[in-house]
């Protein structure tokens, strides 16, 4: 393998040379992506679920808060539309924790699942925009391939949303109503 061949491979150099705030943001987001399924799929009130869940909440809070120190794609002053996702993430964390402390398990589940799938994963797709640190890591010579990742990821999230919808049935006029 020649040195020019190695340029086509993934490299950690963009992450290692990125500003510290981006390193913190990326590390906490990675932790949240990895811990999310563990926290979401565990049985309720299980010790591992709680440990993974609290760690996930902290990782998400650090991810959201650290995003306010990143201004590389500012469209409105130093802020971009992605910063709105950070505000929504903090709101969802607050809502999810408020629900669980109030004993509203369904509300907690909805807030946390929504934050993972529609917040973390959607925002995560935008890290593949050309010029972003992860895009430079994964596609050092062809960052435009990141657009393909965004499209495929968006289609996967759309499919996940479509499959998770509850079937809607319409009651017909004159049909008997069953009571449980």
N, C-alpha and C. Protein backbone atom coordinates (compact mmCIF):
# COMPACT_ATOMS: atom_id res chain seq x y z
N UNK A 1 0.85 -1.18 0.00
CA UNK A 1 0.00 0.00 0.00
C UNK A 1 0.89 1.24 0.00
N UNK A 2 0.66 2.10 -0.94
CA UNK A 2 1.45 3.32 -1.05
C UNK A 2 0.83 4.41 -0.18
N UNK A 3 1.58 5.45 0.14
CA UNK A 3 1.03 6.54 0.96
C UNK A 3 -0.21 7.16 0.33
N UNK A 4 -0.28 7.23 -1.01
CA UNK A 4 -1.46 7.83 -1.63
C UNK A 4 -2.69 6.94 -1.45
N UNK A 5 -2.50 5.61 -1.37
CA UNK A 5 -3.62 4.70 -1.13
C UNK A 5 -4.20 4.90 0.27
N UNK A 6 -3.35 5.21 1.23
CA UNK A 6 -3.80 5.40 2.61
C UNK A 6 -4.67 6.64 2.77
N UNK A 7 -4.55 7.60 1.85
CA UNK A 7 -5.36 8.81 1.94
C UNK A 7 -6.83 8.53 1.71
N UNK A 8 -7.14 7.44 1.02
CA UNK A 8 -8.53 7.09 0.72
C UNK A 8 -9.21 6.42 1.91
N UNK A 9 -8.45 5.96 2.89
CA UNK A 9 -9.00 5.24 4.04
C UNK A 9 -9.42 6.21 5.13
N UNK A 10 -10.27 5.72 6.00
CA UNK A 10 -10.71 6.53 7.13
C UNK A 10 -9.52 6.96 7.97
N UNK A 11 -9.56 8.17 8.47
CA UNK A 11 -8.49 8.69 9.29
C UNK A 11 -9.07 9.41 10.51
N UNK A 12 -8.39 9.29 11.64
CA UNK A 12 -8.82 9.98 12.86
C UNK A 12 -8.21 11.37 12.99
N UNK A 13 -7.37 11.74 12.05
CA UNK A 13 -6.67 13.02 12.10
C UNK A 13 -7.63 14.21 12.24
N UNK A 14 -8.74 14.28 11.48
CA UNK A 14 -9.64 15.43 11.65
C UNK A 14 -10.22 15.53 13.07
N UNK A 15 -10.50 14.39 13.70
CA UNK A 15 -11.02 14.41 15.07
C UNK A 15 -9.94 14.83 16.05
N UNK A 16 -8.74 14.28 15.88
CA UNK A 16 -7.65 14.56 16.83
C UNK A 16 -7.17 16.01 16.74
N UNK A 17 -7.35 16.64 15.59
CA UNK A 17 -6.91 18.03 15.44
C UNK A 17 -8.07 19.02 15.58
N UNK A 18 -9.27 18.52 15.81
CA UNK A 18 -10.44 19.39 15.96
C UNK A 18 -10.36 20.13 17.30
N UNK A 19 -11.03 21.27 17.40
CA UNK A 19 -11.08 21.98 18.69
C UNK A 19 -11.66 21.07 19.79
N UNK A 20 -11.26 21.34 21.01
CA UNK A 20 -11.65 20.51 22.15
C UNK A 20 -13.18 20.41 22.28
N UNK A 21 -13.90 21.48 22.02
CA UNK A 21 -15.36 21.47 22.15
C UNK A 21 -15.97 20.47 21.17
N UNK A 22 -15.40 20.36 19.97
CA UNK A 22 -15.89 19.39 18.99
C UNK A 22 -15.57 17.97 19.44
N UNK A 23 -14.40 17.77 20.03
CA UNK A 23 -14.05 16.45 20.54
C UNK A 23 -15.00 16.02 21.66
N UNK A 24 -15.31 16.93 22.56
CA UNK A 24 -16.27 16.64 23.64
C UNK A 24 -17.65 16.34 23.05
N UNK A 25 -18.07 17.16 22.13
CA UNK A 25 -19.38 16.99 21.49
C UNK A 25 -19.46 15.63 20.79
N UNK A 26 -18.44 15.29 20.02
CA UNK A 26 -18.44 14.03 19.27
C UNK A 26 -18.37 12.82 20.20
N UNK A 27 -17.55 12.89 21.23
CA UNK A 27 -17.43 11.76 22.16
C UNK A 27 -18.73 11.53 22.92
N UNK A 28 -19.38 12.59 23.37
CA UNK A 28 -20.63 12.42 24.11
C UNK A 28 -21.75 11.95 23.18
N UNK A 29 -21.76 12.43 21.94
CA UNK A 29 -22.77 11.97 20.98
C UNK A 29 -22.56 10.50 20.65
N UNK A 30 -21.32 10.09 20.49
CA UNK A 30 -21.03 8.68 20.23
C UNK A 30 -21.50 7.81 21.39
N UNK A 31 -21.21 8.24 22.62
CA UNK A 31 -21.67 7.50 23.80
C UNK A 31 -23.19 7.41 23.82
N UNK A 32 -23.86 8.50 23.48
CA UNK A 32 -25.33 8.50 23.46
C UNK A 32 -25.88 7.57 22.39
N UNK A 33 -25.24 7.53 21.23
CA UNK A 33 -25.70 6.63 20.16
C UNK A 33 -25.54 5.18 20.58
N UNK A 34 -24.43 4.86 21.24
CA UNK A 34 -24.17 3.48 21.65
C UNK A 34 -25.07 3.07 22.82
N UNK A 35 -25.25 3.95 23.79
CA UNK A 35 -26.06 3.60 24.97
C UNK A 35 -27.56 3.65 24.72
N UNK A 36 -27.99 4.41 23.72
CA UNK A 36 -29.41 4.57 23.45
C UNK A 36 -30.18 3.27 23.35
N UNK A 37 -29.76 2.37 22.47
CA UNK A 37 -30.51 1.11 22.36
C UNK A 37 -30.52 0.29 23.65
N UNK A 38 -29.44 0.31 24.39
CA UNK A 38 -29.41 -0.42 25.66
C UNK A 38 -30.44 0.13 26.63
N UNK A 39 -30.51 1.44 26.72
CA UNK A 39 -31.49 2.05 27.63
C UNK A 39 -32.91 1.88 27.11
N UNK A 40 -33.10 1.95 25.80
CA UNK A 40 -34.45 1.87 25.23
C UNK A 40 -35.01 0.45 25.24
N UNK A 41 -34.16 -0.54 25.16
CA UNK A 41 -34.65 -1.91 25.03
C UNK A 41 -34.67 -2.71 26.33
N UNK A 42 -34.16 -2.15 27.40
CA UNK A 42 -34.17 -2.87 28.68
C UNK A 42 -35.56 -2.80 29.31
N UNK A 43 -35.82 -3.76 30.19
CA UNK A 43 -37.09 -3.76 30.91
C UNK A 43 -37.14 -2.56 31.84
N UNK A 44 -38.33 -2.04 32.05
CA UNK A 44 -38.45 -0.87 32.93
C UNK A 44 -38.03 -1.24 34.34
N UNK A 45 -37.51 -0.27 35.03
CA UNK A 45 -37.09 -0.37 36.42
C UNK A 45 -35.96 -1.38 36.63
N UNK A 46 -35.34 -1.81 35.60
CA UNK A 46 -34.19 -2.69 35.66
C UNK A 46 -32.96 -1.85 36.00
N UNK A 47 -32.08 -2.36 36.82
CA UNK A 47 -30.91 -1.58 37.27
C UNK A 47 -30.03 -1.15 36.09
N UNK A 48 -29.81 -2.06 35.14
CA UNK A 48 -28.99 -1.72 33.98
C UNK A 48 -29.68 -0.65 33.12
N UNK A 49 -31.01 -0.74 33.01
CA UNK A 49 -31.76 0.27 32.28
C UNK A 49 -31.56 1.64 32.92
N UNK A 50 -31.66 1.69 34.23
CA UNK A 50 -31.50 2.97 34.93
C UNK A 50 -30.09 3.52 34.77
N UNK A 51 -29.09 2.67 34.93
CA UNK A 51 -27.70 3.11 34.79
C UNK A 51 -27.43 3.60 33.37
N UNK A 52 -27.84 2.81 32.39
CA UNK A 52 -27.65 3.22 30.99
C UNK A 52 -28.46 4.48 30.70
N UNK A 53 -29.67 4.55 31.24
CA UNK A 53 -30.53 5.70 30.99
C UNK A 53 -29.97 6.99 31.57
N UNK A 54 -29.54 6.96 32.82
CA UNK A 54 -28.97 8.17 33.42
C UNK A 54 -27.68 8.59 32.71
N UNK A 55 -26.86 7.62 32.34
CA UNK A 55 -25.63 7.93 31.60
C UNK A 55 -25.98 8.51 30.24
N UNK A 56 -27.01 7.95 29.61
CA UNK A 56 -27.46 8.45 28.31
C UNK A 56 -27.97 9.89 28.42
N UNK A 57 -28.73 10.17 29.46
CA UNK A 57 -29.25 11.53 29.67
C UNK A 57 -28.09 12.52 29.84
N UNK A 58 -27.10 12.14 30.61
CA UNK A 58 -25.93 13.02 30.81
C UNK A 58 -25.19 13.21 29.49
N UNK A 59 -24.99 12.12 28.75
CA UNK A 59 -24.30 12.22 27.45
C UNK A 59 -25.08 13.11 26.48
N UNK A 60 -26.40 12.97 26.48
CA UNK A 60 -27.23 13.80 25.60
C UNK A 60 -27.17 15.27 26.01
N UNK A 61 -27.20 15.52 27.32
CA UNK A 61 -27.12 16.90 27.80
C UNK A 61 -25.78 17.53 27.41
N UNK A 62 -24.70 16.79 27.57
CA UNK A 62 -23.38 17.30 27.17
C UNK A 62 -23.33 17.53 25.67
N UNK A 63 -23.90 16.61 24.91
CA UNK A 63 -23.93 16.76 23.45
C UNK A 63 -24.68 18.03 23.06
N UNK A 64 -25.86 18.22 23.63
CA UNK A 64 -26.68 19.39 23.29
C UNK A 64 -26.01 20.68 23.75
N UNK A 65 -25.52 20.70 24.98
CA UNK A 65 -24.91 21.93 25.50
C UNK A 65 -23.62 22.28 24.77
N UNK A 66 -22.82 21.26 24.46
CA UNK A 66 -21.55 21.54 23.78
C UNK A 66 -21.77 22.05 22.36
N UNK A 67 -22.93 21.73 21.76
CA UNK A 67 -23.19 22.21 20.40
C UNK A 67 -23.23 23.73 20.32
N UNK A 68 -23.56 24.39 21.43
CA UNK A 68 -23.61 25.85 21.42
C UNK A 68 -22.23 26.49 21.35
N UNK A 69 -21.20 25.69 21.53
CA UNK A 69 -19.83 26.18 21.38
C UNK A 69 -19.26 25.92 19.99
N UNK A 70 -20.07 25.31 19.12
CA UNK A 70 -19.63 25.00 17.76
C UNK A 70 -20.34 25.95 16.80
N UNK A 71 -19.56 26.74 16.07
CA UNK A 71 -20.16 27.77 15.23
C UNK A 71 -19.71 27.71 13.79
N UNK A 72 -19.22 26.56 13.34
CA UNK A 72 -18.69 26.45 11.99
C UNK A 72 -19.71 26.59 10.88
N UNK A 73 -20.98 26.36 11.17
CA UNK A 73 -22.01 26.42 10.14
C UNK A 73 -23.07 27.46 10.47
N UNK A 74 -22.66 28.54 11.09
CA UNK A 74 -23.60 29.57 11.51
C UNK A 74 -24.32 30.21 10.33
N UNK A 75 -25.63 30.22 10.41
CA UNK A 75 -26.45 30.89 9.39
C UNK A 75 -27.12 32.14 9.97
N UNK A 76 -27.39 32.10 11.26
CA UNK A 76 -28.01 33.22 11.97
C UNK A 76 -27.02 33.63 13.06
N UNK A 77 -26.12 34.52 12.72
CA UNK A 77 -25.04 34.83 13.65
C UNK A 77 -24.18 33.58 13.79
N UNK A 78 -23.87 33.19 15.02
CA UNK A 78 -23.05 32.00 15.20
C UNK A 78 -23.87 30.70 15.19
N UNK A 79 -25.19 30.80 15.06
CA UNK A 79 -26.05 29.63 15.20
C UNK A 79 -26.58 29.13 13.86
N UNK A 80 -26.89 27.82 13.84
CA UNK A 80 -27.45 27.19 12.66
C UNK A 80 -28.75 26.49 13.06
N UNK A 81 -29.50 25.98 12.09
CA UNK A 81 -30.72 25.23 12.43
C UNK A 81 -30.44 24.02 13.33
N UNK A 82 -29.23 23.49 13.27
CA UNK A 82 -28.90 22.36 14.14
C UNK A 82 -28.96 22.75 15.62
N UNK A 83 -28.73 24.03 15.91
CA UNK A 83 -28.82 24.47 17.30
C UNK A 83 -30.26 24.40 17.82
N UNK A 84 -31.23 24.51 16.92
CA UNK A 84 -32.63 24.30 17.32
C UNK A 84 -32.84 22.86 17.79
N UNK A 85 -32.16 21.91 17.13
CA UNK A 85 -32.25 20.52 17.57
C UNK A 85 -31.67 20.35 18.98
N UNK A 86 -30.63 21.12 19.29
CA UNK A 86 -30.05 21.05 20.63
C UNK A 86 -31.05 21.56 21.67
N UNK A 87 -31.75 22.64 21.34
CA UNK A 87 -32.77 23.17 22.26
C UNK A 87 -33.88 22.13 22.44
N UNK A 88 -34.32 21.52 21.34
CA UNK A 88 -35.35 20.49 21.43
C UNK A 88 -34.85 19.27 22.21
N UNK A 89 -33.58 18.93 22.07
CA UNK A 89 -33.02 17.80 22.82
C UNK A 89 -33.06 18.09 24.32
N UNK A 90 -32.66 19.29 24.71
CA UNK A 90 -32.70 19.64 26.13
C UNK A 90 -34.14 19.64 26.66
N UNK A 91 -35.07 20.13 25.86
CA UNK A 91 -36.48 20.11 26.25
C UNK A 91 -36.98 18.67 26.40
N UNK A 92 -36.61 17.81 25.45
CA UNK A 92 -37.04 16.41 25.51
C UNK A 92 -36.45 15.69 26.72
N UNK A 93 -35.20 15.99 27.04
CA UNK A 93 -34.59 15.40 28.23
C UNK A 93 -35.36 15.82 29.48
N UNK A 94 -35.67 17.10 29.55
CA UNK A 94 -36.41 17.61 30.71
C UNK A 94 -37.79 16.95 30.78
N UNK A 95 -38.48 16.88 29.65
CA UNK A 95 -39.80 16.26 29.61
C UNK A 95 -39.74 14.79 30.02
N UNK A 96 -38.79 14.06 29.46
CA UNK A 96 -38.65 12.64 29.77
C UNK A 96 -38.38 12.39 31.24
N UNK A 97 -37.51 13.19 31.83
CA UNK A 97 -37.19 13.01 33.25
C UNK A 97 -38.35 13.45 34.13
N UNK A 98 -39.02 14.52 33.73
CA UNK A 98 -40.20 14.97 34.48
C UNK A 98 -41.27 13.89 34.48
N UNK A 99 -41.47 13.25 33.33
CA UNK A 99 -42.48 12.19 33.23
C UNK A 99 -42.14 11.01 34.12
N UNK A 100 -40.89 10.56 34.10
CA UNK A 100 -40.56 9.36 34.89
C UNK A 100 -40.63 9.65 36.37
N UNK A 101 -40.24 10.85 36.80
CA UNK A 101 -40.33 11.19 38.21
C UNK A 101 -41.78 11.33 38.67
N UNK A 102 -42.67 11.63 37.70
CA UNK A 102 -44.10 11.71 38.01
C UNK A 102 -44.80 10.36 37.87
N UNK A 103 -44.06 9.34 37.46
CA UNK A 103 -44.65 8.01 37.30
C UNK A 103 -45.32 7.79 35.96
N UNK A 104 -45.13 8.70 35.03
CA UNK A 104 -45.73 8.59 33.70
C UNK A 104 -44.76 7.84 32.80
N UNK A 105 -44.83 6.52 32.83
CA UNK A 105 -43.88 5.70 32.07
C UNK A 105 -44.09 5.86 30.57
N UNK A 106 -45.35 5.92 30.14
CA UNK A 106 -45.62 6.08 28.71
C UNK A 106 -45.07 7.41 28.19
N UNK A 107 -45.24 8.48 28.94
CA UNK A 107 -44.70 9.77 28.55
C UNK A 107 -43.19 9.77 28.51
N UNK A 108 -42.58 9.12 29.50
CA UNK A 108 -41.12 8.99 29.56
C UNK A 108 -40.62 8.23 28.34
N UNK A 109 -41.25 7.10 28.06
CA UNK A 109 -40.84 6.28 26.92
C UNK A 109 -40.97 7.07 25.62
N UNK A 110 -42.08 7.76 25.44
CA UNK A 110 -42.30 8.53 24.21
C UNK A 110 -41.25 9.64 24.06
N UNK A 111 -40.96 10.34 25.13
CA UNK A 111 -39.98 11.43 25.07
C UNK A 111 -38.59 10.91 24.74
N UNK A 112 -38.19 9.85 25.40
CA UNK A 112 -36.83 9.34 25.20
C UNK A 112 -36.67 8.64 23.85
N UNK A 113 -37.67 7.87 23.44
CA UNK A 113 -37.58 7.23 22.12
C UNK A 113 -37.61 8.28 21.02
N UNK A 114 -38.47 9.28 21.18
CA UNK A 114 -38.52 10.35 20.19
C UNK A 114 -37.21 11.10 20.10
N UNK A 115 -36.60 11.35 21.24
CA UNK A 115 -35.31 12.05 21.25
C UNK A 115 -34.24 11.21 20.57
N UNK A 116 -34.23 9.92 20.84
CA UNK A 116 -33.20 9.07 20.23
C UNK A 116 -33.39 9.01 18.71
N UNK A 117 -34.59 8.63 18.27
CA UNK A 117 -34.80 8.41 16.85
C UNK A 117 -34.90 9.70 16.05
N UNK A 118 -35.66 10.65 16.55
CA UNK A 118 -35.88 11.85 15.75
C UNK A 118 -34.90 12.96 16.10
N UNK A 119 -34.29 12.88 17.24
CA UNK A 119 -33.34 13.91 17.64
C UNK A 119 -31.92 13.49 17.34
N UNK A 120 -31.45 12.50 18.04
CA UNK A 120 -30.05 12.09 17.93
C UNK A 120 -29.72 11.54 16.55
N UNK A 121 -30.56 10.69 16.02
CA UNK A 121 -30.26 10.09 14.72
C UNK A 121 -30.40 11.09 13.58
N UNK A 122 -31.41 11.95 13.63
CA UNK A 122 -31.55 12.96 12.58
C UNK A 122 -30.37 13.93 12.62
N UNK A 123 -30.06 14.44 13.80
CA UNK A 123 -28.91 15.34 13.92
C UNK A 123 -27.63 14.62 13.52
N UNK A 124 -27.55 13.34 13.87
CA UNK A 124 -26.38 12.55 13.53
C UNK A 124 -26.15 12.42 12.03
N UNK A 125 -27.22 12.45 11.27
CA UNK A 125 -27.05 12.38 9.82
C UNK A 125 -26.34 13.61 9.28
N UNK A 126 -26.58 14.75 9.89
CA UNK A 126 -25.99 15.99 9.39
C UNK A 126 -24.48 16.08 9.62
N UNK A 127 -23.93 15.16 10.42
CA UNK A 127 -22.47 15.17 10.60
C UNK A 127 -21.76 14.69 9.35
N UNK A 128 -22.53 14.15 8.39
CA UNK A 128 -21.92 13.70 7.15
C UNK A 128 -21.91 14.78 6.07
N UNK A 129 -22.36 16.00 6.41
CA UNK A 129 -22.26 17.09 5.44
C UNK A 129 -20.78 17.36 5.15
N UNK A 130 -20.45 17.59 3.90
CA UNK A 130 -19.05 17.88 3.57
C UNK A 130 -18.49 19.02 4.41
N UNK A 131 -17.28 18.82 4.89
CA UNK A 131 -16.62 19.83 5.72
C UNK A 131 -16.72 19.54 7.20
N UNK A 132 -17.72 18.76 7.61
CA UNK A 132 -17.85 18.43 9.03
C UNK A 132 -16.76 17.42 9.40
N UNK A 133 -16.42 17.36 10.68
CA UNK A 133 -15.30 16.54 11.14
C UNK A 133 -15.47 15.06 10.78
N UNK A 134 -16.64 14.49 11.04
CA UNK A 134 -16.82 13.06 10.76
C UNK A 134 -16.78 12.79 9.25
N UNK A 135 -17.32 13.70 8.48
CA UNK A 135 -17.27 13.54 7.03
C UNK A 135 -15.81 13.51 6.55
N UNK A 136 -14.99 14.38 7.12
CA UNK A 136 -13.57 14.39 6.76
C UNK A 136 -12.86 13.14 7.25
N UNK A 137 -13.36 12.54 8.34
CA UNK A 137 -12.75 11.31 8.85
C UNK A 137 -13.11 10.11 7.97
N UNK A 138 -14.39 9.96 7.66
CA UNK A 138 -14.87 8.78 6.96
C UNK A 138 -14.61 8.86 5.46
N UNK A 139 -14.77 10.04 4.88
CA UNK A 139 -14.59 10.21 3.44
C UNK A 139 -13.54 11.29 3.18
N UNK A 140 -12.27 11.03 3.51
CA UNK A 140 -11.27 12.10 3.38
C UNK A 140 -11.09 12.62 1.95
N UNK A 141 -11.30 11.79 0.96
CA UNK A 141 -11.08 12.23 -0.43
C UNK A 141 -12.38 12.43 -1.20
N UNK A 142 -13.50 11.98 -0.66
CA UNK A 142 -14.78 12.09 -1.39
C UNK A 142 -15.89 12.44 -0.40
N UNK A 143 -15.80 13.62 0.20
CA UNK A 143 -16.76 14.00 1.22
C UNK A 143 -18.19 14.11 0.69
N UNK A 144 -18.35 14.26 -0.61
CA UNK A 144 -19.70 14.33 -1.17
C UNK A 144 -20.45 13.01 -0.99
N UNK A 145 -19.74 11.93 -0.70
CA UNK A 145 -20.41 10.66 -0.40
C UNK A 145 -21.27 10.79 0.87
N UNK A 146 -20.98 11.77 1.69
CA UNK A 146 -21.78 12.01 2.88
C UNK A 146 -23.24 12.28 2.55
N UNK A 147 -23.49 12.90 1.39
CA UNK A 147 -24.88 13.13 0.99
C UNK A 147 -25.61 11.81 0.81
N UNK A 148 -24.92 10.82 0.29
CA UNK A 148 -25.53 9.49 0.15
C UNK A 148 -25.87 8.88 1.50
N UNK A 149 -24.97 9.06 2.47
CA UNK A 149 -25.24 8.56 3.82
C UNK A 149 -26.46 9.27 4.40
N UNK A 150 -26.56 10.56 4.18
CA UNK A 150 -27.70 11.32 4.70
C UNK A 150 -29.00 10.82 4.07
N UNK A 151 -29.00 10.60 2.77
CA UNK A 151 -30.21 10.11 2.10
C UNK A 151 -30.58 8.72 2.59
N UNK A 152 -29.60 7.81 2.63
CA UNK A 152 -29.88 6.44 3.09
C UNK A 152 -30.33 6.42 4.55
N UNK A 153 -29.68 7.19 5.39
CA UNK A 153 -30.07 7.27 6.80
C UNK A 153 -31.46 7.86 6.96
N UNK A 154 -31.75 8.90 6.17
CA UNK A 154 -33.08 9.50 6.21
C UNK A 154 -34.15 8.51 5.79
N UNK A 155 -33.87 7.71 4.75
CA UNK A 155 -34.82 6.69 4.32
C UNK A 155 -35.00 5.62 5.40
N UNK A 156 -33.90 5.25 6.07
CA UNK A 156 -34.01 4.26 7.16
C UNK A 156 -34.85 4.80 8.31
N UNK A 157 -34.65 6.06 8.67
CA UNK A 157 -35.45 6.67 9.74
C UNK A 157 -36.91 6.79 9.33
N UNK A 158 -37.14 7.12 8.08
CA UNK A 158 -38.52 7.20 7.58
C UNK A 158 -39.17 5.82 7.62
N UNK A 159 -38.44 4.79 7.23
CA UNK A 159 -38.97 3.42 7.29
C UNK A 159 -39.24 3.01 8.73
N UNK A 160 -38.35 3.36 9.65
CA UNK A 160 -38.56 3.04 11.06
C UNK A 160 -39.80 3.72 11.58
N UNK A 161 -39.99 4.98 11.21
CA UNK A 161 -41.18 5.71 11.63
C UNK A 161 -42.44 5.07 11.04
N UNK A 162 -42.39 4.73 9.76
CA UNK A 162 -43.54 4.14 9.08
C UNK A 162 -43.92 2.80 9.72
N UNK A 163 -42.93 1.99 10.03
CA UNK A 163 -43.19 0.67 10.61
C UNK A 163 -43.67 0.76 12.06
N UNK A 164 -43.31 1.82 12.75
CA UNK A 164 -43.69 1.94 14.17
C UNK A 164 -45.06 2.54 14.37
N UNK A 165 -45.65 3.05 13.28
CA UNK A 165 -46.99 3.64 13.42
C UNK A 165 -47.97 2.56 13.84
N UNK A 166 -48.87 2.93 14.73
CA UNK A 166 -49.90 1.99 15.17
C UNK A 166 -50.97 1.93 14.09
N UNK A 167 -51.47 0.73 13.83
CA UNK A 167 -52.52 0.65 12.81
C UNK A 167 -53.75 1.41 13.27
N UNK A 168 -54.27 2.16 12.37
CA UNK A 168 -55.45 2.96 12.68
C UNK A 168 -56.66 2.26 12.07
N UNK A 169 -57.63 1.96 12.90
CA UNK A 169 -58.84 1.33 12.41
C UNK A 169 -60.00 2.28 12.60
N UNK A 170 -60.85 2.30 11.64
CA UNK A 170 -62.02 3.17 11.72
C UNK A 170 -63.22 2.32 12.15
N UNK A 171 -63.96 2.83 13.09
CA UNK A 171 -65.17 2.14 13.52
C UNK A 171 -66.25 2.41 12.48
N UNK A 172 -66.89 1.35 12.06
CA UNK A 172 -67.96 1.50 11.08
C UNK A 172 -69.26 1.79 11.81
N UNK A 173 -70.06 2.60 11.19
CA UNK A 173 -71.36 2.91 11.77
C UNK A 173 -72.19 1.65 11.81
N UNK A 174 -72.77 1.37 12.95
CA UNK A 174 -73.59 0.21 13.13
C UNK A 174 -72.83 -1.05 13.53
N UNK A 175 -71.48 -0.98 13.61
CA UNK A 175 -70.74 -2.17 14.01
C UNK A 175 -70.73 -2.25 15.53
N UNK A 176 -70.76 -3.47 16.05
CA UNK A 176 -70.76 -3.61 17.50
C UNK A 176 -69.44 -3.16 18.10
N UNK A 177 -69.50 -2.57 19.27
CA UNK A 177 -68.30 -2.10 19.98
C UNK A 177 -67.95 -3.14 21.01
N UNK A 178 -66.70 -3.59 20.96
CA UNK A 178 -66.26 -4.56 21.96
C UNK A 178 -65.64 -3.81 23.13
N UNK A 179 -65.97 -4.27 24.31
CA UNK A 179 -65.40 -3.68 25.52
C UNK A 179 -64.58 -4.73 26.21
N UNK A 180 -63.50 -4.32 26.75
CA UNK A 180 -62.62 -5.25 27.45
C UNK A 180 -62.90 -5.21 28.93
